[in-house]
Amino acid sequence: HGYVRRKVRFQHGAGENMPFEDDSQDLVSSCLTFHELPASAAQDVIREAYRVLKPGACLSLMDMDPTAPAFQRIANNVFAFTAFKSTEPYLEQYAALDVQEVMRRAGFETVETRSSSPRHRTIVAKKPAAK
């Protein structure tokens, strides 16, 4: 069948300083984390993911989609957005950050974004394959 069974190991830790060798990981995945980070930390995590990923491997990021109409309805309602921000201190920084451009600047060659739900998106960025 071509399927190779491998062990999967989940590692929890600071994304800005992953305890892995360069070019050693098959996947870096983040789920509903980036809107919790200051923009500077989010950029550091993306650069660190690039460092640890093997050539041809991917970074997958699922989080809120600031461009989604459902998100925009909340953002355009001052009362709803103020209440939302009270539990999400870095939300405005996240909404202003061009995550896809940060990924490209980090060196990722393919960056694709897909809607995951009415308020969420998944961005998958691929590290260039070894030459």
Foldseek 3Di string as FASTA:
>chain_A
DPDDDDDDDDDDDQLLDDPAAFQADQEAEEEAPPLQDALVSLLSSLLSRNRRHHAFHKYKYKHFDCVFPVNVVQVVPVVSVVVVCVVRVRNVNSSPDPSQVSNVVSAFDDWDWDAPDSTMIMIMTHHHHDD
